[in-house]
């Protein structure tokens, strides 16, 4: 009986931790900060992907700051 109770406690704690991780990941995706969180890991283990992501972000910034033709 004690072994079953211990197993259920660990299973419950494990389920809570996984649920927390899922909620944190969903929040990061909604806010758009997930790329910055994993940037360090990606730079170390997959440098070409990091460089590509950096290029995409810089292109988005250039498009966002481009003045409208009617402003000139």
PDB file of N, CA and C in Angstrom:
ATOM      1  N   UNK A   1       0.820  -1.194   0.000  1.00  0.00           N
ATOM      2  CA  UNK A   1       0.000   0.000   0.000  1.00  0.00           C
ATOM      3  C   UNK A   1       0.865   1.259   0.000  1.00  0.00           C
ATOM      4  N   UNK A   2       1.929   1.248   0.786  1.00  0.00           N
ATOM      5  CA  UNK A   2       2.801   2.420   0.854  1.00  0.00           C
ATOM      6  C   UNK A   2       3.498   2.650  -0.482  1.00  0.00           C
ATOM      7  N   UNK A   3       3.846   1.560  -1.159  1.00  0.00           N
ATOM      8  CA  UNK A   3       4.501   1.694  -2.464  1.00  0.00           C
ATOM      9  C   UNK A   3       3.580   2.312  -3.500  1.00  0.00           C
ATOM     10  N   UNK A   4       2.311   1.939  -3.465  1.00  0.00           N
ATOM     11  CA  UNK A   4       1.344   2.494  -4.410  1.00  0.00           C
ATOM     12  C   UNK A   4       1.109   3.977  -4.135  1.00  0.00           C
ATOM     13  N   UNK A   5       1.065   4.344  -2.858  1.00  0.00           N
ATOM     14  CA  UNK A   5       0.870   5.746  -2.499  1.00  0.00           C
ATOM     15  C   UNK A   5       2.064   6.589  -2.945  1.00  0.00           C
ATOM     16  N   UNK A   6       3.257   6.062  -2.756  1.00  0.00           N
ATOM     17  CA  UNK A   6       4.467   6.762  -3.192  1.00  0.00           C
ATOM     18  C   UNK A   6       4.460   6.950  -4.705  1.00  0.00           C
ATOM     19  N   UNK A   7       4.088   5.900  -5.423  1.00  0.00           N
ATOM     20  CA  UNK A   7       4.023   5.988  -6.880  1.00  0.00           C
ATOM     21  C   UNK A   7       3.020   7.045  -7.324  1.00  0.00           C
ATOM     22  N   UNK A   8       1.854   7.074  -6.689  1.00  0.00           N
ATOM     23  CA  UNK A   8       0.836   8.058  -7.047  1.00  0.00           C
ATOM     24  C   UNK A   8       1.291   9.485  -6.749  1.00  0.00           C
ATOM     25  N   UNK A   9       2.025   9.672  -5.656  1.00  0.00           N
ATOM     26  CA  UNK A   9       2.553  10.995  -5.329  1.00  0.00           C
ATOM     27  C   UNK A   9       3.542  11.459  -6.391  1.00  0.00           C
ATOM     28  N   UNK A  10       4.477  10.583  -6.766  1.00  0.00           N
ATOM     29  CA  UNK A  10       5.453  10.950  -7.787  1.00  0.00           C
ATOM     30  C   UNK A  10       4.785  11.191  -9.138  1.00  0.00           C
ATOM     31  N   UNK A  11       3.797  10.382  -9.478  1.00  0.00           N
ATOM     32  CA  UNK A  11       3.082  10.567 -10.742  1.00  0.00           C
ATOM     33  C   UNK A  11       2.331  11.898 -10.745  1.00  0.00           C
ATOM     34  N   UNK A  12       1.738  12.259  -9.625  1.00  0.00           N
ATOM     35  CA  UNK A  12       1.032  13.532  -9.526  1.00  0.00           C
ATOM     36  C   UNK A  12       1.971  14.722  -9.632  1.00  0.00           C
ATOM     37  N   UNK A  13       3.100  14.642  -8.952  1.00  0.00           N
ATOM     38  CA  UNK A  13       4.087  15.724  -9.024  1.00  0.00           C
ATOM     39  C   UNK A  13       4.621  15.854 -10.443  1.00  0.00           C
ATOM     40  N   UNK A  14       4.891  14.723 -11.081  1.00  0.00           N
ATOM     41  CA  UNK A  14       5.383  14.725 -12.459  1.00  0.00           C
ATOM     42  C   UNK A  14       4.356  15.362 -13.392  1.00  0.00           C
ATOM     43  N   UNK A  15       3.087  15.037 -13.203  1.00  0.00           N
ATOM     44  CA  UNK A  15       2.025  15.614 -14.029  1.00  0.00           C
ATOM     45  C   UNK A  15       1.927  17.124 -13.816  1.00  0.00           C
ATOM     46  N   UNK A  16       2.082  17.580 -12.581  1.00  0.00           N
ATOM     47  CA  UNK A  16       2.047  19.015 -12.306  1.00  0.00           C
ATOM     48  C   UNK A  16       3.210  19.744 -12.963  1.00  0.00           C
ATOM     49  N   UNK A  17       4.393  19.159 -12.906  1.00  0.00           N
ATOM     50  CA  UNK A  17       5.564  19.780 -13.530  1.00  0.00           C
ATOM     51  C   UNK A  17       5.382  19.863 -15.046  1.00  0.00           C
ATOM     52  N   UNK A  18       4.899  18.786 -15.661  1.00  0.00           N
ATOM     53  CA  UNK A  18       4.671  18.806 -17.107  1.00  0.00           C
ATOM     54  C   UNK A  18       3.613  19.835 -17.496  1.00  0.00           C
ATOM     55  N   UNK A  19       2.561  19.936 -16.714  1.00  0.00           N
ATOM     56  CA  UNK A  19       1.520  20.922 -16.984  1.00  0.00           C
ATOM     57  C   UNK A  19       2.078  22.336 -16.876  1.00  0.00           C
ATOM     58  N   UNK A  20       2.893  22.581 -15.870  1.00  0.00           N
ATOM     59  CA  UNK A  20       3.524  23.891 -15.724  1.00  0.00           C
ATOM     60  C   UNK A  20       4.423  24.230 -16.898  1.00  0.00           C
ATOM     61  N   UNK A  21       5.178  23.257 -17.373  1.00  0.00           N
ATOM     62  CA  UNK A  21       6.041  23.485 -18.539  1.00  0.00           C
ATOM     63  C   UNK A  21       5.219  23.787 -19.782  1.00  0.00           C
ATOM     64  N   UNK A  22       4.117  23.086 -19.950  1.00  0.00           N
ATOM     65  CA  UNK A  22       3.257  23.327 -21.112  1.00  0.00           C
ATOM     66  C   UNK A  22       2.643  24.728 -21.057  1.00  0.00           C
ATOM     67  N   UNK A  23       2.206  25.150 -19.886  1.00  0.00           N
ATOM     68  CA  UNK A  23       1.627  26.485 -19.750  1.00  0.00           C
ATOM     69  C   UNK A  23       2.673  27.571 -19.979  1.00  0.00           C
ATOM     70  N   UNK A  24       3.883  27.351 -19.482  1.00  0.00           N
ATOM     71  CA  UNK A  24       4.964  28.310 -19.689  1.00  0.00           C
ATOM     72  C   UNK A  24       5.331  28.411 -21.166  1.00  0.00           C
ATOM     73  N   UNK A  25       5.377  27.286 -21.863  1.00  0.00           N
ATOM     74  CA  UNK A  25       5.689  27.292 -23.297  1.00  0.00           C
ATOM     75  C   UNK A  25       4.602  28.005 -24.091  1.00  0.00           C
ATOM     76  N   UNK A  26       3.350  27.781 -23.740  1.00  0.00           N
ATOM     77  CA  UNK A  26       2.249  28.450 -24.436  1.00  0.00           C
ATOM     78  C   UNK A  26       2.309  29.959 -24.214  1.00  0.00           C
ATOM     79  N   UNK A  27       2.635  30.366 -23.016  1.00  0.00           N
ATOM     80  CA  UNK A  27       2.741  31.795 -22.710  1.00  0.00           C
ATOM     81  C   UNK A  27       3.890  32.437 -23.485  1.00  0.00           C
ATOM     82  N   UNK A  28       5.014  31.729 -23.572  1.00  0.00           N
ATOM     83  CA  UNK A  28       6.160  32.250 -24.315  1.00  0.00           C
ATOM     84  C   UNK A  28       5.833  32.369 -25.798  1.00  0.00           C
ATOM     85  N   UNK A  29       5.110  31.401 -26.347  1.00  0.00           N
ATOM     86  CA  UNK A  29       4.729  31.465 -27.758  1.00  0.00           C
ATOM     87  C   UNK A  29       3.767  32.616 -28.021  1.00  0.00           C
ATOM     88  N   UNK A  30       2.822  32.838 -27.114  1.00  0.00           N
ATOM     89  CA  UNK A  30       1.859  33.933 -27.282  1.00  0.00           C
ATOM     90  C   UNK A  30       2.555  35.286 -27.262  1.00  0.00           C
ATOM     91  N   UNK A  31       3.519  35.433 -26.387  1.00  0.00           N
ATOM     92  CA  UNK A  31       4.209  36.715 -26.253  1.00  0.00           C
ATOM     93  C   UNK A  31       5.335  36.892 -27.265  1.00  0.00           C
ATOM     94  N   UNK A  32       5.702  35.824 -27.947  1.00  0.00           N
ATOM     95  CA  UNK A  32       6.753  35.918 -28.949  1.00  0.00           C
ATOM     96  C   UNK A  32       8.152  35.970 -28.371  1.00  0.00           C
ATOM     97  N   UNK A  33       8.351  35.448 -27.168  1.00  0.00           N
ATOM     98  CA  UNK A  33       9.670  35.498 -26.543  1.00  0.00           C
ATOM     99  C   UNK A  33      10.376  34.153 -26.560  1.00  0.00           C
ATOM    100  N   UNK A  34       9.755  33.170 -27.180  1.00  0.00           N
ATOM    101  CA  UNK A  34      10.357  31.838 -27.147  1.00  0.00           C
ATOM    102  C   UNK A  34      11.652  31.781 -27.933  1.00  0.00           C
ATOM    103  N   UNK A  35      11.766  32.549 -28.999  1.00  0.00           N
ATOM    104  CA  UNK A  35      12.997  32.541 -29.789  1.00  0.00           C
ATOM    105  C   UNK A  35      14.175  33.079 -29.009  1.00  0.00           C
ATOM    106  N   UNK A  36      13.939  34.076 -28.184  1.00  0.00           N
ATOM    107  CA  UNK A  36      15.015  34.659 -27.403  1.00  0.00           C
ATOM    108  C   UNK A  36      15.448  33.753 -26.258  1.00  0.00           C
ATOM    109  N   UNK A  37      14.537  32.980 -25.739  1.00  0.00           N
ATOM    110  CA  UNK A  37      14.887  32.085 -24.641  1.00  0.00           C
ATOM    111  C   UNK A  37      15.823  30.976 -25.096  1.00  0.00           C
ATOM    112  N   UNK A  38      15.595  30.470 -26.289  1.00  0.00           N
ATOM    113  CA  UNK A  38      16.400  29.361 -26.788  1.00  0.00           C
ATOM    114  C   UNK A  38      17.548  29.825 -27.667  1.00  0.00           C
ATOM    115  N   UNK A  39      17.736  31.114 -27.825  1.00  0.00           N
ATOM    116  CA  UNK A  39      18.789  31.627 -28.686  1.00  0.00           C
ATOM    117  C   UNK A  39      20.180  31.200 -28.268  1.00  0.00           C
ATOM    118  N   UNK A  40      20.448  31.166 -26.983  1.00  0.00           N
ATOM    119  CA  UNK A  40      21.770  30.781 -26.495  1.00  0.00           C
ATOM    120  C   UNK A  40      22.056  29.319 -26.807  1.00  0.00           C
ATOM    121  N   UNK A  41      21.101  28.462 -26.542  1.00  0.00           N
ATOM    122  CA  UNK A  41      21.278  27.034 -26.821  1.00  0.00           C
ATOM    123  C   UNK A  41      21.415  26.810 -28.320  1.00  0.00           C
ATOM    124  N   UNK A  42      20.624  27.513 -29.093  1.00  0.00           N
ATOM    125  CA  UNK A  42      20.671  27.354 -30.540  1.00  0.00           C
ATOM    126  C   UNK A  42      21.997  27.864 -31.098  1.00  0.00           C
ATOM    127  N   UNK A  43      22.538  28.917 -30.532  1.00  0.00           N
ATOM    128  CA  UNK A  43      23.812  29.450 -31.001  1.00  0.00           C
ATOM    129  C   UNK A  43      24.945  28.460 -30.759  1.00  0.00           C
ATOM    130  N   UNK A  44      24.889  27.734 -29.669  1.00  0.00           N
ATOM    131  CA  UNK A  44      25.945  26.778 -29.344  1.00  0.00           C
ATOM    132  C   UNK A  44      25.836  25.517 -30.187  1.00  0.00           C
ATOM    133  N   UNK A  45      24.651  24.935 -30.258  1.00  0.00           N
ATOM    134  CA  UNK A  45      24.501  23.615 -30.863  1.00  0.00           C
ATOM    135  C   UNK A  45      24.078  23.639 -32.328  1.00  0.00           C
ATOM    136  N   UNK A  46      23.536  24.750 -32.814  1.00  0.00           N
ATOM    137  CA  UNK A  46      23.077  24.810 -34.205  1.00  0.00           C
ATOM    138  C   UNK A  46      23.281  26.241 -34.711  1.00  0.00           C
ATOM    139  N   UNK A  47      24.553  26.629 -34.968  1.00  0.00           N
ATOM    140  CA  UNK A  47      24.853  28.026 -35.289  1.00  0.00           C
ATOM    141  C   UNK A  47      24.190  28.539 -36.565  1.00  0.00           C
ATOM    142  N   UNK A  48      24.000  27.689 -37.569  1.00  0.00           N
ATOM    143  CA  UNK A  48      23.382  28.176 -38.803  1.00  0.00           C
ATOM    144  C   UNK A  48      21.924  28.569 -38.578  1.00  0.00           C
ATOM    145  N   UNK A  49      21.226  27.854 -37.728  1.00  0.00           N
ATOM    146  CA  UNK A  49      19.840  28.214 -37.418  1.00  0.00           C
ATOM    147  C   UNK A  49      19.793  29.534 -36.658  1.00  0.00           C
ATOM    148  N   UNK A  50      20.753  29.748 -35.774  1.00  0.00           N
ATOM    149  CA  UNK A  50      20.799  31.006 -35.026  1.00  0.00           C
ATOM    150  C   UNK A  50      21.038  32.173 -35.973  1.00  0.00           C
ATOM    151  N   UNK A  51      21.968  32.001 -36.915  1.00  0.00           N
ATOM    152  CA  UNK A  51      22.254  33.066 -37.872  1.00  0.00           C
ATOM    153  C   UNK A  51      21.041  33.353 -38.751  1.00  0.00           C
ATOM    154  N   UNK A  52      20.341  32.314 -39.151  1.00  0.00           N
ATOM    155  CA  UNK A  52      19.137  32.500 -39.967  1.00  0.00           C
ATOM    156  C   UNK A  52      18.064  33.242 -39.184  1.00  0.00           C
ATOM    157  N   UNK A  53      17.868  32.880 -37.936  1.00  0.00           N
ATOM    158  CA  UNK A  53      16.872  33.553 -37.095  1.00  0.00           C
ATOM    159  C   UNK A  53      17.240  35.019 -36.901  1.00  0.00           C
ATOM    160  N   UNK A  54      18.526  35.293 -36.715  1.00  0.00           N
ATOM    161  CA  UNK A  54      18.985  36.670 -36.551  1.00  0.00           C
ATOM    162  C   UNK A  54      18.712  37.473 -37.825  1.00  0.00           C
ATOM    163  N   UNK A  55      18.942  36.878 -38.985  1.00  0.00           N
ATOM    164  CA  UNK A  55      18.680  37.553 -40.256  1.00  0.00           C
ATOM    165  C   UNK A  55      17.188  37.830 -40.443  1.00  0.00           C
ATOM    166  N   UNK A  56      16.348  36.880 -40.089  1.00  0.00           N
ATOM    167  CA  UNK A  56      14.897  37.075 -40.198  1.00  0.00           C
ATOM    168  C   UNK A  56      14.448  38.220 -39.300  1.00  0.00           C
ATOM    169  N   UNK A  57      14.960  38.271 -38.078  1.00  0.00           N
ATOM    170  CA  UNK A  57      14.579  39.339 -37.155  1.00  0.00           C
ATOM    171  C   UNK A  57      15.041  40.701 -37.661  1.00  0.00           C
ATOM    172  N   UNK A  58      16.243  40.777 -38.228  1.00  0.00           N
ATOM    173  CA  UNK A  58      16.728  42.062 -38.736  1.00  0.00           C
ATOM    174  C   UNK A  58      15.921  42.510 -39.950  1.00  0.00           C
ATOM    175  N   UNK A  59      15.485  41.577 -40.799  1.00  0.00           N
ATOM    176  CA  UNK A  59      14.640  41.937 -41.937  1.00  0.00           C
ATOM    177  C   UNK A  59      13.277  42.436 -41.472  1.00  0.00           C
ATOM    178  N   UNK A  60      12.728  41.822 -40.438  1.00  0.00           N
ATOM    179  CA  UNK A  60      11.447  42.281 -39.897  1.00  0.00           C
ATOM    180  C   UNK A  60      11.570  43.693 -39.341  1.00  0.00           C
ATOM    181  N   UNK A  61      12.696  43.995 -38.692  1.00  0.00           N
ATOM    182  CA  UNK A  61      12.903  45.339 -38.154  1.00  0.00           C
ATOM    183  C   UNK A  61      13.022  46.360 -39.278  1.00  0.00           C
ATOM    184  N   UNK A  62      13.724  45.985 -40.359  1.00  0.00           N
ATOM    185  CA  UNK A  62      13.859  46.903 -41.491  1.00  0.00           C
ATOM    186  C   UNK A  62      12.506  47.200 -42.124  1.00  0.00           C
ATOM    187  N   UNK A  63      11.677  46.188 -42.268  1.00  0.00           N
ATOM    188  CA  UNK A  63      10.356  46.397 -42.858  1.00  0.00           C
ATOM    189  C   UNK A  63       9.467  47.231 -41.945  1.00  0.00           C
ATOM    190  N   UNK A  64       9.613  47.048 -40.651  1.00  0.00           N
ATOM    191  CA  UNK A  64       8.774  47.772 -39.695  1.00  0.00           C
ATOM    192  C   UNK A  64       9.140  49.252 -39.639  1.00  0.00           C
ATOM    193  N   UNK A  65      10.406  49.609 -39.865  1.00  0.00           N
ATOM    194  CA  UNK A  65      10.831  51.004 -39.746  1.00  0.00           C
ATOM    195  C   UNK A  65      10.857  51.730 -41.081  1.00  0.00           C
ATOM    196  N   UNK A  66      10.480  51.079 -42.163  1.00  0.00           N
ATOM    197  CA  UNK A  66      10.475  51.710 -43.483  1.00  0.00           C
ATOM    198  C   UNK A  66       9.336  52.734 -43.542  1.00  0.00           C
ATOM    199  N   UNK A  67       9.639  53.995 -43.936  1.00  0.00           N
ATOM    200  CA  UNK A  67       8.575  55.003 -43.993  1.00  0.00           C
ATOM    201  C   UNK A  67       7.638  54.749 -45.174  1.00  0.00           C
ATOM    202  N   UNK A  68       6.435  55.192 -45.023  1.00  0.00           N
ATOM    203  CA  UNK A  68       5.441  55.046 -46.084  1.00  0.00           C
ATOM    204  C   UNK A  68       5.772  56.004 -47.228  1.00  0.00           C
ATOM    205  N   UNK A  69       5.412  55.678 -48.469  1.00  0.00           N
ATOM    206  CA  UNK A  69       5.703  56.573 -49.599  1.00  0.00           C
ATOM    207  C   UNK A  69       5.030  57.943 -49.465  1.00  0.00           C
ATOM    208  N   UNK A  70       3.923  58.013 -48.800  1.00  0.00           N
ATOM    209  CA  UNK A  70       3.238  59.302 -48.636  1.00  0.00           C
ATOM    210  C   UNK A  70       3.934  60.208 -47.621  1.00  0.00           C
ATOM    211  N   UNK A  71       4.862  59.664 -46.824  1.00  0.00           N
ATOM    212  CA  UNK A  71       5.566  60.461 -45.819  1.00  0.00           C
ATOM    213  C   UNK A  71       6.675  61.300 -46.424  1.00  0.00           C
ATOM    214  N   UNK A  72       7.111  60.998 -47.627  1.00  0.00           N
ATOM    215  CA  UNK A  72       8.239  61.737 -48.214  1.00  0.00           C
ATOM    216  C   UNK A  72       7.802  62.919 -49.011  1.00  0.00           C
TER     217      UNK A  72
END
